[in-house]
Amino acid sequence: MVYKPLDENTYLKYLKAAGWVLEKGGIDYNLYDEKDIFLCSIKISHGKGKKREVVAHSVHKTEQKFKEKGLQWPPKKK
């Protein structure tokens, strides 16, 4: 499956629906689950404008973590 970059706001909504948190790390962002356990690093790209996107590889890593936890990506509202 081919992955595309995802808008940062949409990505954060998906994480909030699952109860996960994205925190700024040294260079990248760190993804934590609902129990504050570190899952992986996430890269967010930005250009000269205000457009910020989660890179395709990080979207793929997030989907893998969701599947490992038995959750659906993208999460649905409860």
Protein backbone atom coordinates (compact mmCIF):
# COMPACT_ATOMS: atom_id res chain seq x y z
CA MET A 1 0.00 0.00 0.00
CA VAL A 2 1.27 3.46 -0.88
CA TYR A 3 1.15 6.02 1.90
CA LYS A 4 0.72 9.76 1.48
CA PRO A 5 1.68 12.61 3.77
CA LEU A 6 -1.11 13.54 6.17
CA ASP A 7 -2.03 17.05 7.30
CA GLU A 8 -0.82 17.67 10.87
CA ASN A 9 -4.24 18.76 12.17
CA THR A 10 -5.94 15.64 10.80
CA TYR A 11 -3.20 13.45 12.25
CA LEU A 12 -3.58 15.05 15.69
CA LYS A 13 -7.36 14.50 15.58
CA TYR A 14 -6.77 10.81 14.90
CA LEU A 15 -4.36 10.55 17.83
CA LYS A 16 -6.74 12.39 20.15
CA ALA A 17 -9.56 10.00 19.22
CA ALA A 18 -7.33 7.09 20.28
CA GLY A 19 -6.09 8.83 23.44
CA TRP A 20 -2.50 8.98 22.17
CA VAL A 21 -0.19 11.99 22.59
CA LEU A 22 2.41 13.58 20.31
CA GLU A 23 5.14 15.53 22.12
CA LYS A 24 8.03 17.56 20.74
CA GLY A 25 11.34 15.78 21.11
CA GLY A 26 14.85 16.99 20.28
CA ILE A 27 14.41 17.07 16.52
CA ASP A 28 11.38 14.91 15.80
CA TYR A 29 8.18 14.30 17.71
CA ASN A 30 7.63 11.39 20.10
CA LEU A 31 4.43 9.32 20.00
CA TYR A 32 3.05 7.99 23.29
CA ASP A 33 0.04 5.76 23.85
CA GLU A 34 -2.72 6.24 26.42
CA LYS A 35 -0.49 4.75 29.16
CA ASP A 36 2.38 7.19 28.37
CA ILE A 37 4.51 4.44 26.86
CA PHE A 38 6.86 5.58 24.08
CA LEU A 39 5.94 4.02 20.73
CA CYS A 40 8.04 5.68 18.00
CA SER A 41 9.41 8.94 16.57
CA ILE A 42 7.32 10.94 14.10
CA LYS A 43 8.66 13.39 11.50
CA ILE A 44 6.65 16.48 10.57
CA SER A 45 7.76 18.39 7.49
CA HIS A 46 7.11 22.06 6.92
CA GLY A 47 7.73 24.47 4.10
CA LYS A 48 8.03 28.23 3.92
CA GLY A 49 4.29 28.59 4.35
CA LYS A 50 2.22 27.30 7.23
CA LYS A 51 1.60 23.90 5.65
CA ARG A 52 2.78 21.17 8.00
CA GLU A 53 2.49 17.49 7.16
CA VAL A 54 3.35 14.21 8.80
CA VAL A 55 5.65 12.43 6.35
CA ALA A 56 4.40 9.27 4.65
CA HIS A 57 6.84 6.96 6.47
CA SER A 58 5.64 8.24 9.85
CA VAL A 59 2.01 7.70 8.84
CA HIS A 60 2.93 4.11 7.98
CA LYS A 61 4.70 3.61 11.34
CA THR A 62 1.66 4.99 13.17
CA GLU A 63 -0.66 2.61 11.32
CA GLN A 64 1.59 -0.31 12.28
CA LYS A 65 1.49 0.71 15.96
CA PHE A 66 -2.31 0.96 15.82
CA LYS A 67 -2.53 -2.55 14.35
CA GLU A 68 -0.14 -3.93 16.99
CA LYS A 69 -2.48 -2.58 19.67
CA GLY A 70 -5.51 -4.05 17.87
CA LEU A 71 -6.91 -0.66 16.87
CA GLN A 72 -8.23 0.54 13.51
CA TRP A 73 -6.41 3.19 11.47
CA PRO A 74 -7.74 5.82 11.01
CA PRO A 75 -9.72 5.65 14.25
CA LYS A 76 -13.47 6.19 14.17
CA LYS A 77 -15.34 8.40 16.60
CA LYS A 78 -16.89 6.43 19.44
